[in-house]
Amino acid sequence: MTRAVARGLGLFMGSLVGLDRVAATDALSQFSAGLPLTANQQTFVALIVEQLTQRGIVEPELLFGAPLTDVAPTGPVARFREAKVTELTAVLLRIRETAEVG
């Protein structure tokens, strides 16, 4: 099996079964560690966890689309500073990379 096929298979399987809720929560815990989250920020992060459990991955551009814009109309920049949005994007990309390898 080629590496490209393996990456596609990992992403495909993740799209079918999603990501375990504990794994999704753990992945985002480093993002929110040491940061006292407001109720709106907690809702946004919880929605990302929900999307991860359904989809397996969340592409960074989806942070600026529905259903996340239902709680943050302009995406994560409405809830977090730019540095935290960059960190959140990095977390989502790491999750995707892990799915590609798996």
PDB file of N, CA and C in Angstrom:
ATOM      1  N   MET A   1       0.856  -1.174   0.000  1.00  0.00           N
ATOM      2  CA  MET A   1       0.000   0.000   0.000  1.00  0.00           C
ATOM      3  C   MET A   1       0.900   1.235   0.000  1.00  0.00           C
ATOM      4  N   THR A   2       0.642   2.154  -0.894  1.00  0.00           N
ATOM      5  CA  THR A   2       1.441   3.367  -0.951  1.00  0.00           C
ATOM      6  C   THR A   2       1.069   4.300   0.186  1.00  0.00           C
ATOM      7  N   ARG A   3       1.972   5.221   0.490  1.00  0.00           N
ATOM      8  CA  ARG A   3       1.720   6.186   1.571  1.00  0.00           C
ATOM      9  C   ARG A   3       0.471   7.016   1.272  1.00  0.00           C
ATOM     10  N   ALA A   4       0.275   7.412   0.011  1.00  0.00           N
ATOM     11  CA  ALA A   4      -0.901   8.220  -0.349  1.00  0.00           C
ATOM     12  C   ALA A   4      -2.190   7.445  -0.101  1.00  0.00           C
ATOM     13  N   VAL A   5      -2.189   6.158  -0.433  1.00  0.00           N
ATOM     14  CA  VAL A   5      -3.376   5.349  -0.204  1.00  0.00           C
ATOM     15  C   VAL A   5      -3.619   5.197   1.293  1.00  0.00           C
ATOM     16  N   ALA A   6      -2.553   4.972   2.069  1.00  0.00           N
ATOM     17  CA  ALA A   6      -2.689   4.839   3.519  1.00  0.00           C
ATOM     18  C   ALA A   6      -3.249   6.118   4.125  1.00  0.00           C
ATOM     19  N   ARG A   7      -2.766   7.277   3.669  1.00  0.00           N
ATOM     20  CA  ARG A   7      -3.292   8.551   4.175  1.00  0.00           C
ATOM     21  C   ARG A   7      -4.766   8.657   3.855  1.00  0.00           C
ATOM     22  N   GLY A   8      -5.129   8.335   2.650  1.00  0.00           N
ATOM     23  CA  GLY A   8      -6.531   8.417   2.264  1.00  0.00           C
ATOM     24  C   GLY A   8      -7.396   7.459   3.050  1.00  0.00           C
ATOM     25  N   LEU A   9      -6.875   6.270   3.337  1.00  0.00           N
ATOM     26  CA  LEU A   9      -7.634   5.287   4.103  1.00  0.00           C
ATOM     27  C   LEU A   9      -7.853   5.771   5.535  1.00  0.00           C
ATOM     28  N   GLY A  10      -6.823   6.330   6.152  1.00  0.00           N
ATOM     29  CA  GLY A  10      -6.968   6.845   7.513  1.00  0.00           C
ATOM     30  C   GLY A  10      -8.001   7.953   7.591  1.00  0.00           C
ATOM     31  N   LEU A  11      -7.972   8.856   6.634  1.00  0.00           N
ATOM     32  CA  LEU A  11      -8.951   9.947   6.603  1.00  0.00           C
ATOM     33  C   LEU A  11     -10.352   9.408   6.315  1.00  0.00           C
ATOM     34  N   PHE A  12     -10.433   8.437   5.402  1.00  0.00           N
ATOM     35  CA  PHE A  12     -11.727   7.854   5.073  1.00  0.00           C
ATOM     36  C   PHE A  12     -12.338   7.164   6.297  1.00  0.00           C
ATOM     37  N   MET A  13     -11.538   6.377   6.992  1.00  0.00           N
ATOM     38  CA  MET A  13     -12.044   5.676   8.178  1.00  0.00           C
ATOM     39  C   MET A  13     -12.483   6.679   9.248  1.00  0.00           C
ATOM     40  N   GLY A  14     -11.709   7.727   9.423  1.00  0.00           N
ATOM     41  CA  GLY A  14     -12.084   8.758  10.388  1.00  0.00           C
ATOM     42  C   GLY A  14     -13.392   9.428  10.025  1.00  0.00           C
ATOM     43  N   SER A  15     -13.618   9.612   8.738  1.00  0.00           N
ATOM     44  CA  SER A  15     -14.866  10.247   8.316  1.00  0.00           C
ATOM     45  C   SER A  15     -16.065   9.343   8.572  1.00  0.00           C
ATOM     46  N   LEU A  16     -15.828   8.030   8.586  1.00  0.00           N
ATOM     47  CA  LEU A  16     -16.910   7.087   8.846  1.00  0.00           C
ATOM     48  C   LEU A  16     -17.224   6.955  10.337  1.00  0.00           C
ATOM     49  N   VAL A  17     -16.191   6.855  11.143  1.00  0.00           N
ATOM     50  CA  VAL A  17     -16.408   6.565  12.563  1.00  0.00           C
ATOM     51  C   VAL A  17     -16.147   7.757  13.472  1.00  0.00           C
ATOM     52  N   GLY A  18     -15.598   8.826  12.931  1.00  0.00           N
ATOM     53  CA  GLY A  18     -15.298   9.990  13.751  1.00  0.00           C
ATOM     54  C   GLY A  18     -14.114   9.729  14.661  1.00  0.00           C
ATOM     55  N   LEU A  19     -13.927  10.629  15.580  1.00  0.00           N
ATOM     56  CA  LEU A  19     -12.840  10.543  16.547  1.00  0.00           C
ATOM     57  C   LEU A  19     -13.468  10.285  17.907  1.00  0.00           C
ATOM     58  N   ASP A  20     -12.845   9.440  18.683  1.00  0.00           N
ATOM     59  CA  ASP A  20     -13.316   9.169  20.030  1.00  0.00           C
ATOM     60  C   ASP A  20     -13.432  10.483  20.800  1.00  0.00           C
ATOM     61  N   ARG A  21     -14.518  10.654  21.538  1.00  0.00           N
ATOM     62  CA  ARG A  21     -14.771  11.914  22.264  1.00  0.00           C
ATOM     63  C   ARG A  21     -13.648  12.225  23.251  1.00  0.00           C
ATOM     64  N   VAL A  22     -13.137  11.215  23.935  1.00  0.00           N
ATOM     65  CA  VAL A  22     -12.046  11.435  24.890  1.00  0.00           C
ATOM     66  C   VAL A  22     -10.804  11.918  24.154  1.00  0.00           C
ATOM     67  N   ALA A  23     -10.503  11.310  23.014  1.00  0.00           N
ATOM     68  CA  ALA A  23      -9.344  11.718  22.225  1.00  0.00           C
ATOM     69  C   ALA A  23      -9.515  13.152  21.712  1.00  0.00           C
ATOM     70  N   ALA A  24     -10.706  13.491  21.264  1.00  0.00           N
ATOM     71  CA  ALA A  24     -10.977  14.845  20.774  1.00  0.00           C
ATOM     72  C   ALA A  24     -10.831  15.861  21.898  1.00  0.00           C
ATOM     73  N   THR A  25     -11.379  15.527  23.063  1.00  0.00           N
ATOM     74  CA  THR A  25     -11.284  16.419  24.215  1.00  0.00           C
ATOM     75  C   THR A  25      -9.838  16.579  24.650  1.00  0.00           C
ATOM     76  N   ASP A  26      -9.093  15.470  24.678  1.00  0.00           N
ATOM     77  CA  ASP A  26      -7.680  15.525  25.049  1.00  0.00           C
ATOM     78  C   ASP A  26      -6.885  16.391  24.076  1.00  0.00           C
ATOM     79  N   ALA A  27      -7.162  16.240  22.792  1.00  0.00           N
ATOM     80  CA  ALA A  27      -6.441  17.016  21.778  1.00  0.00           C
ATOM     81  C   ALA A  27      -6.660  18.511  21.966  1.00  0.00           C
ATOM     82  N   LEU A  28      -7.866  18.885  22.345  1.00  0.00           N
ATOM     83  CA  LEU A  28      -8.163  20.311  22.527  1.00  0.00           C
ATOM     84  C   LEU A  28      -7.833  20.807  23.928  1.00  0.00           C
ATOM     85  N   SER A  29      -7.549  19.895  24.858  1.00  0.00           N
ATOM     86  CA  SER A  29      -7.239  20.323  26.220  1.00  0.00           C
ATOM     87  C   SER A  29      -5.943  21.116  26.277  1.00  0.00           C
ATOM     88  N   GLN A  30      -4.974  20.767  25.439  1.00  0.00           N
ATOM     89  CA  GLN A  30      -3.731  21.535  25.415  1.00  0.00           C
ATOM     90  C   GLN A  30      -3.988  22.957  24.911  1.00  0.00           C
ATOM     91  N   PHE A  31      -4.956  23.098  24.014  1.00  0.00           N
ATOM     92  CA  PHE A  31      -5.311  24.419  23.510  1.00  0.00           C
ATOM     93  C   PHE A  31      -5.910  25.287  24.612  1.00  0.00           C
ATOM     94  N   SER A  32      -6.754  24.695  25.440  1.00  0.00           N
ATOM     95  CA  SER A  32      -7.458  25.476  26.452  1.00  0.00           C
ATOM     96  C   SER A  32      -6.775  25.458  27.818  1.00  0.00           C
ATOM     97  N   ALA A  33      -5.677  24.714  27.948  1.00  0.00           N
ATOM     98  CA  ALA A  33      -4.974  24.629  29.238  1.00  0.00           C
ATOM     99  C   ALA A  33      -4.478  26.004  29.677  1.00  0.00           C
ATOM    100  N   GLY A  34      -4.746  26.314  30.932  1.00  0.00           N
ATOM    101  CA  GLY A  34      -4.284  27.573  31.500  1.00  0.00           C
ATOM    102  C   GLY A  34      -5.050  28.788  31.030  1.00  0.00           C
ATOM    103  N   LEU A  35      -6.088  28.567  30.266  1.00  0.00           N
ATOM    104  CA  LEU A  35      -6.881  29.667  29.734  1.00  0.00           C
ATOM    105  C   LEU A  35      -8.274  29.594  30.348  1.00  0.00           C
ATOM    106  N   PRO A  36      -8.623  30.577  31.174  1.00  0.00           N
ATOM    107  CA  PRO A  36      -9.988  30.554  31.708  1.00  0.00           C
ATOM    108  C   PRO A  36     -10.976  30.885  30.583  1.00  0.00           C
ATOM    109  N   LEU A  37     -11.713  29.882  30.142  1.00  0.00           N
ATOM    110  CA  LEU A  37     -12.621  30.068  29.016  1.00  0.00           C
ATOM    111  C   LEU A  37     -13.936  30.689  29.458  1.00  0.00           C
ATOM    112  N   THR A  38     -14.408  31.630  28.665  1.00  0.00           N
ATOM    113  CA  THR A  38     -15.740  32.178  28.887  1.00  0.00           C
ATOM    114  C   THR A  38     -16.763  31.136  28.445  1.00  0.00           C
ATOM    115  N   ALA A  39     -18.008  31.354  28.778  1.00  0.00           N
ATOM    116  CA  ALA A  39     -19.065  30.431  28.365  1.00  0.00           C
ATOM    117  C   ALA A  39     -19.123  30.316  26.840  1.00  0.00           C
ATOM    118  N   ASN A  40     -18.962  31.430  26.145  1.00  0.00           N
ATOM    119  CA  ASN A  40     -18.991  31.401  24.676  1.00  0.00           C
ATOM    120  C   ASN A  40     -17.806  30.623  24.115  1.00  0.00           C
ATOM    121  N   GLN A  41     -16.639  30.787  24.723  1.00  0.00           N
ATOM    122  CA  GLN A  41     -15.462  30.040  24.278  1.00  0.00           C
ATOM    123  C   GLN A  41     -15.636  28.551  24.546  1.00  0.00           C
ATOM    124  N   GLN A  42     -16.195  28.201  25.708  1.00  0.00           N
ATOM    125  CA  GLN A  42     -16.442  26.799  26.032  1.00  0.00           C
ATOM    126  C   GLN A  42     -17.407  26.177  25.025  1.00  0.00           C
ATOM    127  N   THR A  43     -18.435  26.916  24.657  1.00  0.00           N
ATOM    128  CA  THR A  43     -19.405  26.428  23.673  1.00  0.00           C
ATOM    129  C   THR A  43     -18.724  26.193  22.333  1.00  0.00           C
ATOM    130  N   PHE A  44     -17.859  27.109  21.926  1.00  0.00           N
ATOM    131  CA  PHE A  44     -17.151  26.987  20.651  1.00  0.00           C
ATOM    132  C   PHE A  44     -16.253  25.750  20.660  1.00  0.00           C
ATOM    133  N   VAL A  45     -15.491  25.562  21.729  1.00  0.00           N
ATOM    134  CA  VAL A  45     -14.600  24.406  21.835  1.00  0.00           C
ATOM    135  C   VAL A  45     -15.421  23.113  21.875  1.00  0.00           C
ATOM    136  N   ALA A  46     -16.519  23.104  22.607  1.00  0.00           N
ATOM    137  CA  ALA A  46     -17.377  21.920  22.677  1.00  0.00           C
ATOM    138  C   ALA A  46     -17.932  21.569  21.299  1.00  0.00           C
ATOM    139  N   LEU A  47     -18.242  22.569  20.512  1.00  0.00           N
ATOM    140  CA  LEU A  47     -18.750  22.326  19.163  1.00  0.00           C
ATOM    141  C   LEU A  47     -17.658  21.737  18.267  1.00  0.00           C
ATOM    142  N   ILE A  48     -16.427  22.166  18.458  1.00  0.00           N
ATOM    143  CA  ILE A  48     -15.314  21.580  17.706  1.00  0.00           C
ATOM    144  C   ILE A  48     -15.149  20.112  18.098  1.00  0.00           C
ATOM    145  N   VAL A  49     -15.231  19.822  19.398  1.00  0.00           N
ATOM    146  CA  VAL A  49     -15.149  18.432  19.858  1.00  0.00           C
ATOM    147  C   VAL A  49     -16.260  17.619  19.208  1.00  0.00           C
ATOM    148  N   GLU A  50     -17.458  18.158  19.173  1.00  0.00           N
ATOM    149  CA  GLU A  50     -18.589  17.456  18.552  1.00  0.00           C
ATOM    150  C   GLU A  50     -18.317  17.187  17.073  1.00  0.00           C
ATOM    151  N   GLN A  51     -17.786  18.165  16.374  1.00  0.00           N
ATOM    152  CA  GLN A  51     -17.465  17.984  14.957  1.00  0.00           C
ATOM    153  C   GLN A  51     -16.387  16.920  14.775  1.00  0.00           C
ATOM    154  N   LEU A  52     -15.397  16.904  15.662  1.00  0.00           N
ATOM    155  CA  LEU A  52     -14.346  15.892  15.587  1.00  0.00           C
ATOM    156  C   LEU A  52     -14.907  14.491  15.818  1.00  0.00           C
ATOM    157  N   THR A  53     -15.847  14.366  16.744  1.00  0.00           N
ATOM    158  CA  THR A  53     -16.415  13.041  17.012  1.00  0.00           C
ATOM    159  C   THR A  53     -17.285  12.565  15.850  1.00  0.00           C
ATOM    160  N   GLN A  54     -17.832  13.504  15.096  1.00  0.00           N
ATOM    161  CA  GLN A  54     -18.655  13.134  13.943  1.00  0.00           C
ATOM    162  C   GLN A  54     -17.832  12.908  12.681  1.00  0.00           C
ATOM    163  N   ARG A  55     -16.843  13.775  12.451  1.00  0.00           N
ATOM    164  CA  ARG A  55     -16.108  13.782  11.185  1.00  0.00           C
ATOM    165  C   ARG A  55     -14.745  13.118  11.239  1.00  0.00           C
ATOM    166  N   GLY A  56     -14.148  13.066  12.421  1.00  0.00           N
ATOM    167  CA  GLY A  56     -12.790  12.552  12.549  1.00  0.00           C
ATOM    168  C   GLY A  56     -11.758  13.658  12.481  1.00  0.00           C
ATOM    169  N   ILE A  57     -11.978  14.617  11.618  1.00  0.00           N
ATOM    170  CA  ILE A  57     -11.101  15.789  11.510  1.00  0.00           C
ATOM    171  C   ILE A  57     -11.970  17.028  11.300  1.00  0.00           C
ATOM    172  N   VAL A  58     -11.387  18.171  11.571  1.00  0.00           N
ATOM    173  CA  VAL A  58     -12.015  19.447  11.241  1.00  0.00           C
ATOM    174  C   VAL A  58     -10.946  20.261  10.521  1.00  0.00           C
ATOM    175  N   GLU A  59     -11.163  20.506   9.256  1.00  0.00           N
ATOM    176  CA  GLU A  59     -10.225  21.331   8.497  1.00  0.00           C
ATOM    177  C   GLU A  59     -10.286  22.757   9.041  1.00  0.00           C
ATOM    178  N   PRO A  60      -9.144  23.435   9.148  1.00  0.00           N
ATOM    179  CA  PRO A  60      -9.132  24.789   9.715  1.00  0.00           C
ATOM    180  C   PRO A  60     -10.114  25.758   9.059  1.00  0.00           C
ATOM    181  N   GLU A  61     -10.336  25.633   7.767  1.00  0.00           N
ATOM    182  CA  GLU A  61     -11.261  26.564   7.106  1.00  0.00           C
ATOM    183  C   GLU A  61     -12.698  26.374   7.596  1.00  0.00           C
ATOM    184  N   LEU A  62     -13.009  25.202   8.126  1.00  0.00           N
ATOM    185  CA  LEU A  62     -14.352  24.957   8.653  1.00  0.00           C
ATOM    186  C   LEU A  62     -14.616  25.735   9.939  1.00  0.00           C
ATOM    187  N   LEU A  63     -13.571  26.273  10.549  1.00  0.00           N
ATOM    188  CA  LEU A  63     -13.759  27.115  11.733  1.00  0.00           C
ATOM    189  C   LEU A  63     -14.547  28.375  11.391  1.00  0.00           C
ATOM    190  N   PHE A  64     -14.558  28.714  10.108  1.00  0.00           N
ATOM    191  CA  PHE A  64     -15.230  29.927   9.655  1.00  0.00           C
ATOM    192  C   PHE A  64     -16.540  29.626   8.929  1.00  0.00           C
ATOM    193  N   GLY A  65     -17.077  28.432   9.150  1.00  0.00           N
ATOM    194  CA  GLY A  65     -18.325  28.036   8.508  1.00  0.00           C
ATOM    195  C   GLY A  65     -19.281  27.398   9.500  1.00  0.00           C
ATOM    196  N   ALA A  66     -20.466  27.102   9.021  1.00  0.00           N
ATOM    197  CA  ALA A  66     -21.480  26.458   9.862  1.00  0.00           C
ATOM    198  C   ALA A  66     -21.013  25.050  10.207  1.00  0.00           C
ATOM    199  N   PRO A  67     -21.302  24.566  11.350  1.00  0.00           N
ATOM    200  CA  PRO A  67     -22.132  25.099  12.418  1.00  0.00           C
ATOM    201  C   PRO A  67     -21.383  25.992  13.405  1.00  0.00           C
ATOM    202  N   LEU A  68     -20.062  26.120  13.231  1.00  0.00           N
ATOM    203  CA  LEU A  68     -19.295  26.921  14.190  1.00  0.00           C
ATOM    204  C   LEU A  68     -19.663  28.402  14.145  1.00  0.00           C
ATOM    205  N   THR A  69     -20.046  28.882  12.994  1.00  0.00           N
ATOM    206  CA  THR A  69     -20.439  30.291  12.914  1.00  0.00           C
ATOM    207  C   THR A  69     -21.807  30.546  13.533  1.00  0.00           C
ATOM    208  N   ASP A  70     -22.501  29.484  13.899  1.00  0.00           N
ATOM    209  CA  ASP A  70     -23.759  29.670  14.632  1.00  0.00           C
ATOM    210  C   ASP A  70     -23.495  30.219  16.028  1.00  0.00           C
ATOM    211  N   VAL A  71     -22.327  29.902  16.591  1.00  0.00           N
ATOM    212  CA  VAL A  71     -21.978  30.390  17.932  1.00  0.00           C
ATOM    213  C   VAL A  71     -20.913  31.480  17.894  1.00  0.00           C
ATOM    214  N   ALA A  72     -20.255  31.634  16.749  1.00  0.00           N
ATOM    215  CA  ALA A  72     -19.247  32.679  16.561  1.00  0.00           C
ATOM    216  C   ALA A  72     -19.333  33.132  15.108  1.00  0.00           C
ATOM    217  N   PRO A  73     -20.190  34.125  14.824  1.00  0.00           N
ATOM    218  CA  PRO A  73     -20.494  34.504  13.438  1.00  0.00           C
ATOM    219  C   PRO A  73     -19.281  34.780  12.543  1.00  0.00           C
ATOM    220  N   THR A  74     -18.186  35.245  13.114  1.00  0.00           N
ATOM    221  CA  THR A  74     -16.994  35.508  12.300  1.00  0.00           C
ATOM    222  C   THR A  74     -15.905  34.472  12.546  1.00  0.00           C
ATOM    223  N   GLY A  75     -16.298  33.325  13.096  1.00  0.00           N
ATOM    224  CA  GLY A  75     -15.340  32.259  13.341  1.00  0.00           C
ATOM    225  C   GLY A  75     -14.623  32.433  14.664  1.00  0.00           C
ATOM    226  N   PRO A  76     -13.515  31.735  14.844  1.00  0.00           N
ATOM    227  CA  PRO A  76     -12.825  31.748  16.131  1.00  0.00           C
ATOM    228  C   PRO A  76     -12.273  33.113  16.515  1.00  0.00           C
ATOM    229  N   VAL A  77     -12.052  33.976  15.529  1.00  0.00           N
ATOM    230  CA  VAL A  77     -11.535  35.313  15.851  1.00  0.00           C
ATOM    231  C   VAL A  77     -12.531  36.124  16.660  1.00  0.00           C
ATOM    232  N   ALA A  78     -13.790  35.703  16.657  1.00  0.00           N
ATOM    233  CA  ALA A  78     -14.799  36.374  17.475  1.00  0.00           C
ATOM    234  C   ALA A  78     -14.682  35.962  18.942  1.00  0.00           C
ATOM    235  N   ARG A  79     -14.020  34.846  19.208  1.00  0.00           N
ATOM    236  CA  ARG A  79     -13.948  34.304  20.567  1.00  0.00           C
ATOM    237  C   ARG A  79     -12.539  34.284  21.157  1.00  0.00           C
ATOM    238  N   PHE A  80     -11.509  34.254  20.293  1.00  0.00           N
ATOM    239  CA  PHE A  80     -10.134  34.100  20.762  1.00  0.00           C
ATOM    240  C   PHE A  80      -9.211  35.108  20.090  1.00  0.00           C
ATOM    241  N   ARG A  81      -8.114  35.384  20.760  1.00  0.00           N
ATOM    242  CA  ARG A  81      -7.091  36.250  20.163  1.00  0.00           C
ATOM    243  C   ARG A  81      -6.401  35.501  19.031  1.00  0.00           C
ATOM    244  N   GLU A  82      -5.733  36.270  18.178  1.00  0.00           N
ATOM    245  CA  GLU A  82      -5.100  35.705  16.983  1.00  0.00           C
ATOM    246  C   GLU A  82      -4.127  34.574  17.316  1.00  0.00           C
ATOM    247  N   ALA A  83      -3.336  34.735  18.367  1.00  0.00           N
ATOM    248  CA  ALA A  83      -2.368  33.698  18.738  1.00  0.00           C
ATOM    249  C   ALA A  83      -3.070  32.390  19.107  1.00  0.00           C
ATOM    250  N   LYS A  84      -4.211  32.474  19.779  1.00  0.00           N
ATOM    251  CA  LYS A  84      -4.955  31.272  20.146  1.00  0.00           C
ATOM    252  C   LYS A  84      -5.602  30.629  18.914  1.00  0.00           C
ATOM    253  N   VAL A  85      -6.036  31.440  17.966  1.00  0.00           N
ATOM    254  CA  VAL A  85      -6.604  30.899  16.725  1.00  0.00           C
ATOM    255  C   VAL A  85      -5.512  30.140  15.968  1.00  0.00           C
ATOM    256  N   THR A  86      -4.305  30.688  15.948  1.00  0.00           N
ATOM    257  CA  THR A  86      -3.172  30.015  15.310  1.00  0.00           C
ATOM    258  C   THR A  86      -2.885  28.690  16.012  1.00  0.00           C
ATOM    259  N   GLU A  87      -2.934  28.694  17.328  1.00  0.00           N
ATOM    260  CA  GLU A  87      -2.713  27.472  18.103  1.00  0.00           C
ATOM    261  C   GLU A  87      -3.812  26.444  17.831  1.00  0.00           C
ATOM    262  N   LEU A  88      -5.045  26.893  17.769  1.00  0.00           N
ATOM    263  CA  LEU A  88      -6.164  26.003  17.474  1.00  0.00           C
ATOM    264  C   LEU A  88      -6.003  25.374  16.095  1.00  0.00           C
ATOM    265  N   THR A  89      -5.605  26.160  15.135  1.00  0.00           N
ATOM    266  CA  THR A  89      -5.369  25.658  13.784  1.00  0.00           C
ATOM    267  C   THR A  89      -4.281  24.587  13.798  1.00  0.00           C
ATOM    268  N   ALA A  90      -3.216  24.825  14.559  1.00  0.00           N
ATOM    269  CA  ALA A  90      -2.127  23.848  14.660  1.00  0.00           C
ATOM    270  C   ALA A  90      -2.619  22.539  15.272  1.00  0.00           C
ATOM    271  N   VAL A  91      -3.478  22.619  16.284  1.00  0.00           N
ATOM    272  CA  VAL A  91      -4.041  21.416  16.897  1.00  0.00           C
ATOM    273  C   VAL A  91      -4.850  20.632  15.870  1.00  0.00           C
ATOM    274  N   LEU A  92      -5.686  21.311  15.116  1.00  0.00           N
ATOM    275  CA  LEU A  92      -6.515  20.635  14.109  1.00  0.00           C
ATOM    276  C   LEU A  92      -5.665  20.005  13.010  1.00  0.00           C
ATOM    277  N   LEU A  93      -4.589  20.667  12.638  1.00  0.00           N
ATOM    278  CA  LEU A  93      -3.690  20.109  11.619  1.00  0.00           C
ATOM    279  C   LEU A  93      -2.963  18.870  12.154  1.00  0.00           C
ATOM    280  N   ARG A  94      -2.583  18.884  13.438  1.00  0.00           N
ATOM    281  CA  ARG A  94      -1.953  17.698  14.040  1.00  0.00           C
ATOM    282  C   ARG A  94      -2.927  16.522  14.068  1.00  0.00           C
ATOM    283  N   ILE A  95      -4.183  16.794  14.379  1.00  0.00           N
ATOM    284  CA  ILE A  95      -5.191  15.730  14.372  1.00  0.00           C
ATOM    285  C   ILE A  95      -5.309  15.146  12.968  1.00  0.00           C
ATOM    286  N   ARG A  96      -5.306  16.016  11.964  1.00  0.00           N
ATOM    287  CA  ARG A  96      -5.406  15.549  10.580  1.00  0.00           C
ATOM    288  C   ARG A  96      -4.187  14.710  10.211  1.00  0.00           C
ATOM    289  N   GLU A  97      -2.992  15.170  10.589  1.00  0.00           N
ATOM    290  CA  GLU A  97      -1.770  14.424  10.296  1.00  0.00           C
ATOM    291  C   GLU A  97      -1.805  13.035  10.943  1.00  0.00           C
ATOM    292  N   THR A  98      -2.304  12.969  12.155  1.00  0.00           N
ATOM    293  CA  THR A  98      -2.418  11.693  12.837  1.00  0.00           C
ATOM    294  C   THR A  98      -3.387  10.775  12.093  1.00  0.00           C
ATOM    295  N   ALA A  99      -4.478  11.322  11.611  1.00  0.00           N
ATOM    296  CA  ALA A  99      -5.446  10.535  10.842  1.00  0.00           C
ATOM    297  C   ALA A  99      -4.835  10.043   9.542  1.00  0.00           C
ATOM    298  N   GLU A 100      -3.997  10.854   8.933  1.00  0.00           N
ATOM    299  CA  GLU A 100      -3.360  10.449   7.680  1.00  0.00           C
ATOM    300  C   GLU A 100      -2.425   9.270   7.904  1.00  0.00           C
ATOM    301  N   VAL A 101      -1.729   9.269   9.020  1.00  0.00           N
ATOM    302  CA  VAL A 101      -0.795   8.205   9.327  1.00  0.00           C
ATOM    303  C   VAL A 101      -1.529   6.938   9.716  1.00  0.00           C
ATOM    304  N   GLY A 102      -2.657   7.111  10.476  1.00  0.00           N
ATOM    305  CA  GLY A 102      -3.411   5.954  10.975  1.00  0.00           C
ATOM    306  C   GLY A 102      -4.139   5.302   9.884  1.00  0.00           C
TER     307      GLY A 102
END
